[in-house]
Amino acid sequence: MTTPLVNHQVRLAKRPETTATREHWRFTSEAVADPAEGGVLVQTLSLSLDPAMRGWLNDAKSYIPPVAIGEVMRAGGVGRVIASQNPAFAVGDTVYGTLGVQAYVLLPQDAIRRAGLVKIDLRLGTVGQWLNVLGMPGMTGYFGLLDIGQPQPGQTVVVSAAAGAVGQTVGQLAKIKGCRAVGIAGGQAKCDWVVRELGFDACIDYKAGPSAVREGLKQHCPQGVDVYFDNVGGDILDQVLARLARKARVIVCGAISQYNNANSMPGAGPRNYLSLLVNRARMEGMVVFDYVDRFPQAIAELAGYLQDGRMQSKEDVVQGLDQFPETLNKLFAGGNFGKLVLQVAAD
C-alpha cells in the first residue's frame, strides 16, 4: 500500500508592517490529490527567494496582486512532474514556474498557464542555475541591462547588490559586452569574490564607512557612471546619481534597503534627482514579467556563457520549508552570499 503524500505549505497569516517574522506565517498540511484531466502534480525541488517577495505582502496596488491572507506564499521554483493528465508534461519532466512555498503543487489545466509552468533542460544548467542566471534574476539582469541600460563598449556600468542574484549577472554581462563593471556590495568577502571570481573591474564595500560609496565612485568611476543598475535604492542610489555621466541610464530594479520601512512604504525619494536634468540622463523602472515572450532568447545566450566559462553562478542554499521565514529575511540583512535558494527536496 502506497503511503498518501502530504503537502506542507507556508501561508500568509497577517501582513507585516516592517520585517516579516515567523508570527506572520502559518504552517499547514493537507493531503495531496491526483490531477484531473489536463492537470499536473509537481513536487517542489527548490524555491527562489527574492526581495520582491516582501513587496507582495503589502496590501497595495502594484504590478502584481498582493498575496492574500491565508494564501500559500507566492514563489517561483523548480520542480519535478510526478503525475500528469496533460500531454504537454510527462512524469519525470523538470519544470519551472510559480509553485508557491509548499512541497507539492496541484495545477489544474487552467492554472498551468497562470503559473508559467514550462519544461526546463538540466543539461543547460543545474537546478540552482535555473533559479539564478537562467531564471528570473538572470532575466531581470539581462533585459534590464541590455534593453534599458543599453551599454556601449568602454562605458562604465555600476550595479548595487553586486554579489546577489541579479547583480552577479549584470556585472558579468557588462564585461562580456565590453564595458567596465563596478559593483557595490556589503563586506570585503563579497567584494573580493565579485572582482576575483566574476571579473568585475572593482567593487565598493558600502559597509566600510559612511563615505565609502562616495569615495569609491570617485576612485573607480572618474569619468562618471554611464549605466547604473539599482537594486537597493536609498542612500546608495543618491550617491550614484551624484556621479552620473552625460546621457547616463539608470535602471530601477528594486529598493531592498527600503522594503522593511515602517508601514511598508518606501522612504523619501532620491535627493539628487536633478542630476538627471543636468546630465540629460534618464531613469526607468523595469519589471521582468514584461519580457516573458523573449525569455528563450536570453536563456539561450546566458546558457552559452555558463557553458563556455564566461559566466559563473553562485547560489546560497538553505534546506527545509520550515526555514522559510528566517531565510527570506537574510535578503534584507545582507546575509546571503549569492542567489538565495530554499531547497525543499533533493534534486
C-alpha atoms as a PDB file:
ATOM      1  CA  MET A   1       0.000   0.000   0.000  1.00  0.00           C
ATOM      2  CA  THR A   2       1.400   3.392  -1.017  1.00  0.00           C
ATOM      3  CA  THR A   3       1.597   5.991   1.734  1.00  0.00           C
ATOM      4  CA  PRO A   4      -0.508   9.049   0.774  1.00  0.00           C
ATOM      5  CA  LEU A   5       1.505  12.170   0.026  1.00  0.00           C
ATOM      6  CA  VAL A   6       1.177  15.111   2.421  1.00  0.00           C
ATOM      7  CA  ASN A   7       1.670  18.662   1.235  1.00  0.00           C
ATOM      8  CA  HIS A   8       3.379  21.020   3.683  1.00  0.00           C
ATOM      9  CA  GLN A   9       2.679  24.684   2.986  1.00  0.00           C
ATOM     10  CA  VAL A  10       3.606  28.169   4.240  1.00  0.00           C
ATOM     11  CA  ARG A  11       0.664  30.585   4.195  1.00  0.00           C
ATOM     12  CA  LEU A  12       0.434  34.297   4.971  1.00  0.00           C
ATOM     13  CA  ALA A  13      -1.215  34.698   8.383  1.00  0.00           C
ATOM     14  CA  LYS A  14      -1.089  38.505   8.680  1.00  0.00           C
ATOM     15  CA  ARG A  15       0.550  41.389   6.882  1.00  0.00           C
ATOM     16  CA  PRO A  16       3.812  42.695   8.323  1.00  0.00           C
ATOM     17  CA  GLU A  17       4.334  46.420   8.829  1.00  0.00           C
ATOM     18  CA  THR A  18       8.113  46.102   8.856  1.00  0.00           C
ATOM     19  CA  THR A  19      10.061  42.837   8.932  1.00  0.00           C
ATOM     20  CA  ALA A  20       8.068  39.657   8.293  1.00  0.00           C
ATOM     21  CA  THR A  21       8.779  37.277  11.179  1.00  0.00           C
ATOM     22  CA  ARG A  22       7.587  33.763  11.961  1.00  0.00           C
ATOM     23  CA  GLU A  23       4.367  35.091  13.509  1.00  0.00           C
ATOM     24  CA  HIS A  24       3.284  36.387  10.099  1.00  0.00           C
ATOM     25  CA  TRP A  25       3.194  32.866   8.655  1.00  0.00           C
ATOM     26  CA  ARG A  26       1.055  29.791   9.201  1.00  0.00           C
ATOM     27  CA  PHE A  27       2.365  26.301   8.510  1.00  0.00           C
ATOM     28  CA  THR A  28      -0.300  23.936   7.201  1.00  0.00           C
ATOM     29  CA  SER A  29      -0.553  20.377   5.903  1.00  0.00           C
ATOM     30  CA  GLU A  30      -3.068  18.698   3.633  1.00  0.00           C
ATOM     31  CA  ALA A  31      -3.382  15.526   1.615  1.00  0.00           C
ATOM     32  CA  VAL A  32      -2.143  15.583  -1.975  1.00  0.00           C
ATOM     33  CA  ALA A  33      -4.808  14.830  -4.592  1.00  0.00           C
ATOM     34  CA  ASP A  34      -4.343  13.348  -8.053  1.00  0.00           C
ATOM     35  CA  PRO A  35      -4.564  15.707 -11.050  1.00  0.00           C
ATOM     36  CA  ALA A  36      -7.790  15.836 -13.025  1.00  0.00           C
ATOM     37  CA  GLU A  37      -7.863  15.737 -16.817  1.00  0.00           C
ATOM     38  CA  GLY A  38      -5.483  18.359 -18.186  1.00  0.00           C
ATOM     39  CA  GLY A  39      -3.773  18.924 -14.838  1.00  0.00           C
ATOM     40  CA  VAL A  40      -0.369  18.089 -13.378  1.00  0.00           C
ATOM     41  CA  LEU A  41       1.072  17.373  -9.936  1.00  0.00           C
ATOM     42  CA  VAL A  42       4.533  18.785  -9.297  1.00  0.00           C
ATOM     43  CA  GLN A  43       6.905  18.059  -6.429  1.00  0.00           C
ATOM     44  CA  THR A  44       8.840  21.183  -5.455  1.00  0.00           C
ATOM     45  CA  LEU A  45      12.614  20.766  -5.539  1.00  0.00           C
ATOM     46  CA  SER A  46      13.902  24.286  -4.846  1.00  0.00           C
ATOM     47  CA  LEU A  47      12.394  27.745  -4.492  1.00  0.00           C
ATOM     48  CA  SER A  48      13.750  31.149  -5.424  1.00  0.00           C
ATOM     49  CA  LEU A  49      13.746  33.681  -2.571  1.00  0.00           C
ATOM     50  CA  ASP A  50      13.773  37.229  -3.922  1.00  0.00           C
ATOM     51  CA  PRO A  51      13.480  40.758  -2.493  1.00  0.00           C
ATOM     52  CA  ALA A  52      10.285  41.330  -4.487  1.00  0.00           C
ATOM     53  CA  MET A  53       8.518  38.811  -2.231  1.00  0.00           C
ATOM     54  CA  ARG A  54       8.460  41.384   0.568  1.00  0.00           C
ATOM     55  CA  GLY A  55       6.506  43.765  -1.659  1.00  0.00           C
ATOM     56  CA  TRP A  56       3.941  41.069  -2.440  1.00  0.00           C
ATOM     57  CA  LEU A  57       2.957  41.034   1.248  1.00  0.00           C
ATOM     58  CA  ASN A  58       1.725  44.635   1.185  1.00  0.00           C
ATOM     59  CA  ASP A  59      -1.957  45.347   0.579  1.00  0.00           C
ATOM     60  CA  ALA A  60      -1.145  47.922  -2.056  1.00  0.00           C
ATOM     61  CA  LYS A  61      -1.531  48.328  -5.795  1.00  0.00           C
ATOM     62  CA  SER A  62       1.489  47.046  -7.676  1.00  0.00           C
ATOM     63  CA  TYR A  63       2.462  45.225 -10.856  1.00  0.00           C
ATOM     64  CA  ILE A  64       1.102  42.001  -9.349  1.00  0.00           C
ATOM     65  CA  PRO A  65      -1.757  41.410  -6.849  1.00  0.00           C
ATOM     66  CA  PRO A  66      -0.671  41.011  -3.214  1.00  0.00           C
ATOM     67  CA  VAL A  67      -0.601  37.601  -1.602  1.00  0.00           C
ATOM     68  CA  ALA A  68      -3.974  37.175   0.144  1.00  0.00           C
ATOM     69  CA  ILE A  69      -4.289  36.380   3.833  1.00  0.00           C
ATOM     70  CA  GLY A  70      -4.459  32.600   4.144  1.00  0.00           C
ATOM     71  CA  GLU A  71      -2.943  32.045   0.710  1.00  0.00           C
ATOM     72  CA  VAL A  72       0.151  29.926   0.087  1.00  0.00           C
ATOM     73  CA  MET A  73       3.090  32.312  -0.242  1.00  0.00           C
ATOM     74  CA  ARG A  74       3.923  33.022  -3.852  1.00  0.00           C
ATOM     75  CA  ALA A  75       7.359  31.883  -5.060  1.00  0.00           C
ATOM     76  CA  GLY A  76       8.988  30.744  -8.251  1.00  0.00           C
ATOM     77  CA  GLY A  77      10.650  27.387  -8.199  1.00  0.00           C
ATOM     78  CA  VAL A  78      11.899  24.299  -9.935  1.00  0.00           C
ATOM     79  CA  GLY A  79      10.029  21.025  -9.518  1.00  0.00           C
ATOM     80  CA  ARG A  80       9.514  17.591 -10.985  1.00  0.00           C
ATOM     81  CA  VAL A  81       6.269  16.302 -12.504  1.00  0.00           C
ATOM     82  CA  ILE A  82       5.161  13.254 -10.523  1.00  0.00           C
ATOM     83  CA  ALA A  83       1.675  12.809 -12.035  1.00  0.00           C
ATOM     84  CA  SER A  84       0.230  14.177 -15.248  1.00  0.00           C
ATOM     85  CA  GLN A  85      -3.041  14.186 -17.137  1.00  0.00           C
ATOM     86  CA  ASN A  86      -1.678  16.761 -19.589  1.00  0.00           C
ATOM     87  CA  PRO A  87       0.019  15.691 -22.843  1.00  0.00           C
ATOM     88  CA  ALA A  88       2.438  18.634 -22.650  1.00  0.00           C
ATOM     89  CA  PHE A  89       4.029  17.285 -19.447  1.00  0.00           C
ATOM     90  CA  ALA A  90       5.320  13.807 -18.734  1.00  0.00           C
ATOM     91  CA  VAL A  91       6.129  12.214 -15.399  1.00  0.00           C
ATOM     92  CA  GLY A  92       9.766  12.963 -14.670  1.00  0.00           C
ATOM     93  CA  ASP A  93       9.870  16.301 -16.509  1.00  0.00           C
ATOM     94  CA  THR A  94      11.738  19.046 -14.682  1.00  0.00           C
ATOM     95  CA  VAL A  95       9.722  22.262 -14.720  1.00  0.00           C
ATOM     96  CA  TYR A  96       9.951  25.891 -13.672  1.00  0.00           C
ATOM     97  CA  GLY A  97       7.012  28.059 -12.610  1.00  0.00           C
ATOM     98  CA  THR A  98       5.210  29.784  -9.770  1.00  0.00           C
ATOM     99  CA  LEU A  99       4.994  26.811  -7.428  1.00  0.00           C
ATOM    100  CA  GLY A 100       4.490  28.588  -4.097  1.00  0.00           C
ATOM    101  CA  VAL A 101       6.173  27.860  -0.771  1.00  0.00           C
ATOM    102  CA  GLN A 102       4.964  24.284  -0.495  1.00  0.00           C
ATOM    103  CA  ALA A 103       6.166  20.743  -1.008  1.00  0.00           C
ATOM    104  CA  TYR A 104       3.744  19.895  -3.838  1.00  0.00           C
ATOM    105  CA  VAL A 105       1.562  21.921  -6.179  1.00  0.00           C
ATOM    106  CA  LEU A 106      -1.515  20.573  -7.967  1.00  0.00           C
ATOM    107  CA  LEU A 107      -2.189  22.612 -11.084  1.00  0.00           C
ATOM    108  CA  PRO A 108      -5.491  22.202 -12.929  1.00  0.00           C
ATOM    109  CA  GLN A 109      -5.335  22.761 -16.663  1.00  0.00           C
ATOM    110  CA  ASP A 110      -6.478  26.386 -16.444  1.00  0.00           C
ATOM    111  CA  ALA A 111      -3.826  27.195 -13.820  1.00  0.00           C
ATOM    112  CA  ILE A 112      -0.823  25.862 -15.733  1.00  0.00           C
ATOM    113  CA  ARG A 113      -0.502  28.963 -17.894  1.00  0.00           C
ATOM    114  CA  ARG A 114      -1.073  31.320 -14.955  1.00  0.00           C
ATOM    115  CA  ALA A 115       1.728  29.568 -13.081  1.00  0.00           C
ATOM    116  CA  GLY A 116       4.003  29.998 -16.093  1.00  0.00           C
ATOM    117  CA  LEU A 117       4.845  26.304 -15.942  1.00  0.00           C
ATOM    118  CA  VAL A 118       7.468  25.360 -18.521  1.00  0.00           C
ATOM    119  CA  LYS A 119       9.787  22.413 -19.016  1.00  0.00           C
ATOM    120  CA  ILE A 120      13.460  23.128 -18.438  1.00  0.00           C
ATOM    121  CA  ASP A 121      16.577  21.328 -19.618  1.00  0.00           C
ATOM    122  CA  LEU A 122      19.041  20.462 -16.848  1.00  0.00           C
ATOM    123  CA  ARG A 123      21.710  19.956 -19.497  1.00  0.00           C
ATOM    124  CA  LEU A 124      21.848  23.757 -19.782  1.00  0.00           C
ATOM    125  CA  GLY A 125      22.322  24.315 -16.060  1.00  0.00           C
ATOM    126  CA  THR A 126      21.743  22.964 -12.576  1.00  0.00           C
ATOM    127  CA  VAL A 127      18.542  23.473 -10.573  1.00  0.00           C
ATOM    128  CA  GLY A 128      20.278  26.339  -8.762  1.00  0.00           C
ATOM    129  CA  GLN A 129      21.351  27.958 -12.022  1.00  0.00           C
ATOM    130  CA  TRP A 130      17.776  27.725 -13.338  1.00  0.00           C
ATOM    131  CA  LEU A 131      16.758  29.811 -10.320  1.00  0.00           C
ATOM    132  CA  ASN A 132      19.661  32.198 -10.833  1.00  0.00           C
ATOM    133  CA  VAL A 133      21.302  33.092 -14.145  1.00  0.00           C
ATOM    134  CA  LEU A 134      18.801  31.077 -16.213  1.00  0.00           C
ATOM    135  CA  GLY A 135      15.832  32.066 -14.044  1.00  0.00           C
ATOM    136  CA  MET A 136      14.031  35.250 -13.065  1.00  0.00           C
ATOM    137  CA  PRO A 137      17.131  37.028 -11.654  1.00  0.00           C
ATOM    138  CA  GLY A 138      19.094  36.360 -14.820  1.00  0.00           C
ATOM    139  CA  MET A 139      16.200  37.506 -16.997  1.00  0.00           C
ATOM    140  CA  THR A 140      15.943  40.670 -14.889  1.00  0.00           C
ATOM    141  CA  GLY A 141      19.634  41.426 -15.253  1.00  0.00           C
ATOM    142  CA  TYR A 142      19.699  40.608 -18.962  1.00  0.00           C
ATOM    143  CA  PHE A 143      16.748  42.711 -20.102  1.00  0.00           C
ATOM    144  CA  GLY A 144      17.256  45.495 -17.579  1.00  0.00           C
ATOM    145  CA  LEU A 145      20.868  45.991 -18.602  1.00  0.00           C
ATOM    146  CA  LEU A 146      20.592  45.423 -22.343  1.00  0.00           C
ATOM    147  CA  ASP A 147      17.146  46.833 -23.157  1.00  0.00           C
ATOM    148  CA  ILE A 148      17.018  49.755 -20.728  1.00  0.00           C
ATOM    149  CA  GLY A 149      20.674  50.338 -19.885  1.00  0.00           C
ATOM    150  CA  GLN A 150      21.858  49.927 -23.499  1.00  0.00           C
ATOM    151  CA  PRO A 151      25.534  49.723 -22.516  1.00  0.00           C
ATOM    152  CA  GLN A 152      28.170  50.521 -25.117  1.00  0.00           C
ATOM    153  CA  PRO A 153      31.711  49.089 -25.180  1.00  0.00           C
ATOM    154  CA  GLY A 154      34.039  51.120 -22.993  1.00  0.00           C
ATOM    155  CA  GLN A 155      31.287  52.586 -20.832  1.00  0.00           C
ATOM    156  CA  THR A 156      31.163  52.203 -17.052  1.00  0.00           C
ATOM    157  CA  VAL A 157      28.347  50.091 -15.587  1.00  0.00           C
ATOM    158  CA  VAL A 158      27.728  50.213 -11.838  1.00  0.00           C
ATOM    159  CA  VAL A 159      25.466  47.698 -10.101  1.00  0.00           C
ATOM    160  CA  SER A 160      24.412  47.587  -6.456  1.00  0.00           C
ATOM    161  CA  ALA A 161      23.896  44.308  -4.565  1.00  0.00           C
ATOM    162  CA  ALA A 162      26.630  43.081  -6.897  1.00  0.00           C
ATOM    163  CA  ALA A 163      27.073  39.718  -5.164  1.00  0.00           C
ATOM    164  CA  GLY A 164      23.347  38.986  -5.238  1.00  0.00           C
ATOM    165  CA  ALA A 165      21.381  37.131  -7.861  1.00  0.00           C
ATOM    166  CA  VAL A 166      20.651  39.981 -10.269  1.00  0.00           C
ATOM    167  CA  GLY A 167      23.876  41.852  -9.584  1.00  0.00           C
ATOM    168  CA  GLN A 168      26.197  39.000 -10.470  1.00  0.00           C
ATOM    169  CA  THR A 169      24.506  38.581 -13.861  1.00  0.00           C
ATOM    170  CA  VAL A 170      24.547  42.318 -14.604  1.00  0.00           C
ATOM    171  CA  GLY A 171      28.244  42.748 -13.875  1.00  0.00           C
ATOM    172  CA  GLN A 172      29.388  39.679 -15.784  1.00  0.00           C
ATOM    173  CA  LEU A 173      27.170  40.552 -18.743  1.00  0.00           C
ATOM    174  CA  ALA A 174      28.539  44.097 -18.754  1.00  0.00           C
ATOM    175  CA  LYS A 175      32.071  42.692 -19.035  1.00  0.00           C
ATOM    176  CA  ILE A 176      31.050  40.340 -21.841  1.00  0.00           C
ATOM    177  CA  LYS A 177      29.621  43.339 -23.720  1.00  0.00           C
ATOM    178  CA  GLY A 178      32.906  45.218 -23.411  1.00  0.00           C
ATOM    179  CA  CYS A 179      32.125  47.553 -20.510  1.00  0.00           C
ATOM    180  CA  ARG A 180      33.851  48.381 -17.236  1.00  0.00           C
ATOM    181  CA  ALA A 181      31.918  46.796 -14.356  1.00  0.00           C
ATOM    182  CA  VAL A 182      31.946  48.317 -10.884  1.00  0.00           C
ATOM    183  CA  GLY A 183      29.998  46.592  -8.135  1.00  0.00           C
ATOM    184  CA  ILE A 184      28.693  47.783  -4.787  1.00  0.00           C
ATOM    185  CA  ALA A 185      28.341  45.086  -2.125  1.00  0.00           C
ATOM    186  CA  GLY A 186      28.356  44.637   1.637  1.00  0.00           C
ATOM    187  CA  GLY A 187      31.553  43.235   3.105  1.00  0.00           C
ATOM    188  CA  GLN A 188      35.091  42.610   1.924  1.00  0.00           C
ATOM    189  CA  ALA A 189      34.473  38.915   1.210  1.00  0.00           C
ATOM    190  CA  LYS A 190      31.689  39.697  -1.262  1.00  0.00           C
ATOM    191  CA  CYS A 191      33.729  42.440  -2.900  1.00  0.00           C
ATOM    192  CA  ASP A 192      36.762  40.167  -3.262  1.00  0.00           C
ATOM    193  CA  TRP A 193      34.621  37.441  -4.833  1.00  0.00           C
ATOM    194  CA  VAL A 194      32.991  39.849  -7.282  1.00  0.00           C
ATOM    195  CA  VAL A 195      36.381  41.064  -8.505  1.00  0.00           C
ATOM    196  CA  ARG A 196      38.481  37.884  -8.339  1.00  0.00           C
ATOM    197  CA  GLU A 197      35.905  35.306  -9.395  1.00  0.00           C
ATOM    198  CA  LEU A 198      33.398  37.220 -11.515  1.00  0.00           C
ATOM    199  CA  GLY A 199      35.880  39.549 -13.170  1.00  0.00           C
ATOM    200  CA  PHE A 200      34.426  42.922 -12.152  1.00  0.00           C
ATOM    201  CA  ASP A 201      36.933  45.772 -12.519  1.00  0.00           C
ATOM    202  CA  ALA A 202      36.257  46.985  -8.980  1.00  0.00           C
ATOM    203  CA  CYS A 203      33.815  46.599  -6.098  1.00  0.00           C
ATOM    204  CA  ILE A 204      32.929  49.130  -3.402  1.00  0.00           C
ATOM    205  CA  ASP A 205      32.224  47.884   0.128  1.00  0.00           C
ATOM    206  CA  TYR A 206      29.371  50.053   1.363  1.00  0.00           C
ATOM    207  CA  LYS A 207      29.937  48.774   4.898  1.00  0.00           C
ATOM    208  CA  ALA A 208      33.475  50.202   5.003  1.00  0.00           C
ATOM    209  CA  GLY A 209      32.325  53.580   6.336  1.00  0.00           C
ATOM    210  CA  PRO A 210      29.854  56.432   5.791  1.00  0.00           C
ATOM    211  CA  SER A 211      31.853  57.891   2.893  1.00  0.00           C
ATOM    212  CA  ALA A 212      32.850  54.553   1.324  1.00  0.00           C
ATOM    213  CA  VAL A 213      30.421  54.684  -1.594  1.00  0.00           C
ATOM    214  CA  ARG A 214      31.076  58.317  -2.427  1.00  0.00           C
ATOM    215  CA  GLU A 215      34.854  57.886  -2.323  1.00  0.00           C
ATOM    216  CA  GLY A 216      34.708  54.554  -4.136  1.00  0.00           C
ATOM    217  CA  LEU A 217      32.690  56.018  -7.003  1.00  0.00           C
ATOM    218  CA  LYS A 218      35.117  58.918  -7.257  1.00  0.00           C
ATOM    219  CA  GLN A 219      38.039  56.489  -7.444  1.00  0.00           C
ATOM    220  CA  HIS A 220      36.599  53.832  -9.743  1.00  0.00           C
ATOM    221  CA  CYS A 221      34.333  55.977 -11.956  1.00  0.00           C
ATOM    222  CA  PRO A 222      36.482  59.050 -12.660  1.00  0.00           C
ATOM    223  CA  GLN A 223      34.600  59.793 -15.884  1.00  0.00           C
ATOM    224  CA  GLY A 224      31.215  59.238 -14.237  1.00  0.00           C
ATOM    225  CA  VAL A 225      28.668  56.415 -14.354  1.00  0.00           C
ATOM    226  CA  ASP A 226      27.165  55.644 -17.757  1.00  0.00           C
ATOM    227  CA  VAL A 227      24.772  52.909 -16.611  1.00  0.00           C
ATOM    228  CA  TYR A 228      23.570  52.302 -13.057  1.00  0.00           C
ATOM    229  CA  PHE A 229      21.578  49.172 -12.262  1.00  0.00           C
ATOM    230  CA  ASP A 230      19.852  49.924  -8.960  1.00  0.00           C
ATOM    231  CA  ASN A 231      18.785  47.087  -6.694  1.00  0.00           C
ATOM    232  CA  VAL A 232      18.860  48.887  -3.351  1.00  0.00           C
ATOM    233  CA  GLY A 233      17.538  52.460  -3.527  1.00  0.00           C
ATOM    234  CA  GLY A 234      18.101  54.759  -0.560  1.00  0.00           C
ATOM    235  CA  ASP A 235      21.391  56.499   0.098  1.00  0.00           C
ATOM    236  CA  ILE A 236      23.393  54.411  -2.369  1.00  0.00           C
ATOM    237  CA  LEU A 237      21.084  55.490  -5.181  1.00  0.00           C
ATOM    238  CA  ASP A 238      21.640  59.107  -4.144  1.00  0.00           C
ATOM    239  CA  GLN A 239      25.394  58.686  -4.156  1.00  0.00           C
ATOM    240  CA  VAL A 240      25.396  57.215  -7.664  1.00  0.00           C
ATOM    241  CA  LEU A 241      23.040  59.885  -9.020  1.00  0.00           C
ATOM    242  CA  ALA A 242      25.624  62.451  -7.969  1.00  0.00           C
ATOM    243  CA  ARG A 243      28.227  60.746 -10.216  1.00  0.00           C
ATOM    244  CA  LEU A 244      26.226  60.294 -13.435  1.00  0.00           C
ATOM    245  CA  ALA A 245      27.873  60.883 -16.782  1.00  0.00           C
ATOM    246  CA  ARG A 246      26.207  62.766 -19.633  1.00  0.00           C
ATOM    247  CA  LYS A 247      23.295  60.771 -21.119  1.00  0.00           C
ATOM    248  CA  ALA A 248      23.508  58.148 -18.343  1.00  0.00           C
ATOM    249  CA  ARG A 249      20.822  55.489 -17.936  1.00  0.00           C
ATOM    250  CA  VAL A 250      19.543  54.408 -14.504  1.00  0.00           C
ATOM    251  CA  ILE A 251      17.611  51.135 -14.286  1.00  0.00           C
ATOM    252  CA  VAL A 252      15.292  50.967 -11.273  1.00  0.00           C
ATOM    253  CA  CYS A 253      15.011  47.268 -10.497  1.00  0.00           C
ATOM    254  CA  GLY A 254      14.468  47.283  -6.731  1.00  0.00           C
ATOM    255  CA  ALA A 255      14.937  49.146  -3.472  1.00  0.00           C
ATOM    256  CA  ILE A 256      15.839  46.453  -0.980  1.00  0.00           C
ATOM    257  CA  SER A 257      17.070  48.993   1.574  1.00  0.00           C
ATOM    258  CA  GLN A 258      13.535  50.385   1.819  1.00  0.00           C
ATOM    259  CA  TYR A 259      11.270  47.324   1.824  1.00  0.00           C
ATOM    260  CA  ASN A 260      11.091  46.864   5.595  1.00  0.00           C
ATOM    261  CA  ASN A 261      10.439  50.514   6.436  1.00  0.00           C
ATOM    262  CA  ALA A 262       7.568  51.197   8.832  1.00  0.00           C
ATOM    263  CA  ASN A 263       4.182  50.853   7.129  1.00  0.00           C
ATOM    264  CA  SER A 264       5.988  49.002   4.326  1.00  0.00           C
ATOM    265  CA  MET A 265       6.286  52.238   2.365  1.00  0.00           C
ATOM    266  CA  PRO A 266       9.454  53.445   0.640  1.00  0.00           C
ATOM    267  CA  GLY A 267      11.347  56.274   2.269  1.00  0.00           C
ATOM    268  CA  ALA A 268      11.876  59.714   0.788  1.00  0.00           C
ATOM    269  CA  GLY A 269      12.639  59.922  -2.894  1.00  0.00           C
ATOM    270  CA  PRO A 270      16.159  60.488  -4.226  1.00  0.00           C
ATOM    271  CA  ARG A 271      17.637  63.820  -3.155  1.00  0.00           C
ATOM    272  CA  ASN A 272      19.957  64.047  -6.151  1.00  0.00           C
ATOM    273  CA  TYR A 273      17.357  63.525  -8.853  1.00  0.00           C
ATOM    274  CA  LEU A 274      18.202  66.864 -10.505  1.00  0.00           C
ATOM    275  CA  SER A 275      21.383  65.176 -11.695  1.00  0.00           C
ATOM    276  CA  LEU A 276      19.108  63.559 -14.283  1.00  0.00           C
ATOM    277  CA  LEU A 277      18.331  67.019 -15.640  1.00  0.00           C
ATOM    278  CA  VAL A 278      21.886  68.359 -15.528  1.00  0.00           C
ATOM    279  CA  ASN A 279      23.302  65.275 -17.259  1.00  0.00           C
ATOM    280  CA  ARG A 280      20.393  64.747 -19.667  1.00  0.00           C
ATOM    281  CA  ALA A 281      20.100  61.297 -18.118  1.00  0.00           C
ATOM    282  CA  ARG A 282      17.091  59.040 -17.784  1.00  0.00           C
ATOM    283  CA  MET A 283      15.801  56.790 -15.027  1.00  0.00           C
ATOM    284  CA  GLU A 284      13.437  53.949 -15.893  1.00  0.00           C
ATOM    285  CA  GLY A 285      11.769  51.200 -13.915  1.00  0.00           C
ATOM    286  CA  MET A 286      11.665  47.609 -15.109  1.00  0.00           C
ATOM    287  CA  VAL A 287       9.522  44.582 -14.305  1.00  0.00           C
ATOM    288  CA  VAL A 288      10.815  41.315 -15.672  1.00  0.00           C
ATOM    289  CA  PHE A 289       7.347  39.921 -16.460  1.00  0.00           C
ATOM    290  CA  ASP A 290       7.180  42.368 -19.388  1.00  0.00           C
ATOM    291  CA  TYR A 291       9.793  40.279 -21.206  1.00  0.00           C
ATOM    292  CA  VAL A 292       8.357  36.770 -20.827  1.00  0.00           C
ATOM    293  CA  ASP A 293       7.980  36.237 -24.572  1.00  0.00           C
ATOM    294  CA  ARG A 294      11.713  36.839 -25.017  1.00  0.00           C
ATOM    295  CA  PHE A 295      12.957  34.623 -22.171  1.00  0.00           C
ATOM    296  CA  PRO A 296      14.053  31.797 -24.539  1.00  0.00           C
ATOM    297  CA  GLN A 297      16.404  34.225 -26.330  1.00  0.00           C
ATOM    298  CA  ALA A 298      18.020  35.292 -23.057  1.00  0.00           C
ATOM    299  CA  ILE A 299      18.226  31.749 -21.672  1.00  0.00           C
ATOM    300  CA  ALA A 300      19.986  30.513 -24.801  1.00  0.00           C
ATOM    301  CA  GLU A 301      22.555  33.308 -24.679  1.00  0.00           C
ATOM    302  CA  LEU A 302      23.214  33.076 -20.937  1.00  0.00           C
ATOM    303  CA  ALA A 303      23.416  29.266 -21.001  1.00  0.00           C
ATOM    304  CA  GLY A 304      26.106  29.611 -23.638  1.00  0.00           C
ATOM    305  CA  TYR A 305      28.115  31.896 -21.368  1.00  0.00           C
ATOM    306  CA  LEU A 306      27.774  29.432 -18.473  1.00  0.00           C
ATOM    307  CA  GLN A 307      28.910  26.552 -20.624  1.00  0.00           C
ATOM    308  CA  ASP A 308      31.921  28.300 -22.146  1.00  0.00           C
ATOM    309  CA  GLY A 309      33.034  29.652 -18.763  1.00  0.00           C
ATOM    310  CA  ARG A 310      32.474  33.340 -19.443  1.00  0.00           C
ATOM    311  CA  MET A 311      29.845  33.496 -16.701  1.00  0.00           C
ATOM    312  CA  GLN A 312      29.608  31.972 -13.242  1.00  0.00           C
ATOM    313  CA  SER A 313      26.622  31.345 -10.999  1.00  0.00           C
ATOM    314  CA  LYS A 314      26.783  31.285  -7.196  1.00  0.00           C
ATOM    315  CA  GLU A 315      23.862  30.098  -5.049  1.00  0.00           C
ATOM    316  CA  ASP A 316      23.352  30.313  -1.291  1.00  0.00           C
ATOM    317  CA  VAL A 317      21.242  27.232  -0.500  1.00  0.00           C
ATOM    318  CA  VAL A 318      19.229  26.733   2.701  1.00  0.00           C
ATOM    319  CA  GLN A 319      17.390  23.469   3.267  1.00  0.00           C
ATOM    320  CA  GLY A 320      13.847  22.953   4.524  1.00  0.00           C
ATOM    321  CA  LEU A 321      10.447  24.626   4.176  1.00  0.00           C
ATOM    322  CA  ASP A 322      10.399  25.262   7.915  1.00  0.00           C
ATOM    323  CA  GLN A 323      13.352  27.635   7.454  1.00  0.00           C
ATOM    324  CA  PHE A 324      11.424  29.930   5.098  1.00  0.00           C
ATOM    325  CA  PRO A 325      10.707  32.920   7.445  1.00  0.00           C
ATOM    326  CA  GLU A 326      14.269  33.347   8.638  1.00  0.00           C
ATOM    327  CA  THR A 327      15.766  32.572   5.243  1.00  0.00           C
ATOM    328  CA  LEU A 328      13.689  35.223   3.482  1.00  0.00           C
ATOM    329  CA  ASN A 329      14.977  37.822   5.923  1.00  0.00           C
ATOM    330  CA  LYS A 330      18.583  37.035   5.056  1.00  0.00           C
ATOM    331  CA  LEU A 331      17.959  39.074   1.911  1.00  0.00           C
ATOM    332  CA  PHE A 332      17.261  42.256   3.836  1.00  0.00           C
ATOM    333  CA  ALA A 333      20.112  41.838   6.303  1.00  0.00           C
ATOM    334  CA  GLY A 334      22.621  41.162   3.530  1.00  0.00           C
ATOM    335  CA  GLY A 335      23.103  37.691   4.965  1.00  0.00           C
ATOM    336  CA  ASN A 336      23.050  35.801   1.686  1.00  0.00           C
ATOM    337  CA  PHE A 337      26.136  35.309  -0.464  1.00  0.00           C
ATOM    338  CA  GLY A 338      24.877  34.695  -3.987  1.00  0.00           C
ATOM    339  CA  LYS A 339      21.408  33.779  -5.177  1.00  0.00           C
ATOM    340  CA  LEU A 340      19.276  32.719  -2.190  1.00  0.00           C
ATOM    341  CA  VAL A 341      17.626  29.314  -2.750  1.00  0.00           C
ATOM    342  CA  LEU A 342      15.410  27.296  -0.414  1.00  0.00           C
ATOM    343  CA  GLN A 343      15.828  23.600  -1.123  1.00  0.00           C
ATOM    344  CA  VAL A 344      12.627  21.679  -0.444  1.00  0.00           C
ATOM    345  CA  ALA A 345      13.543  18.223  -1.750  1.00  0.00           C
ATOM    346  CA  ALA A 346      16.640  16.531  -3.138  1.00  0.00           C
ATOM    347  CA  ASP A 347      17.294  17.045  -6.841  1.00  0.00           C
END
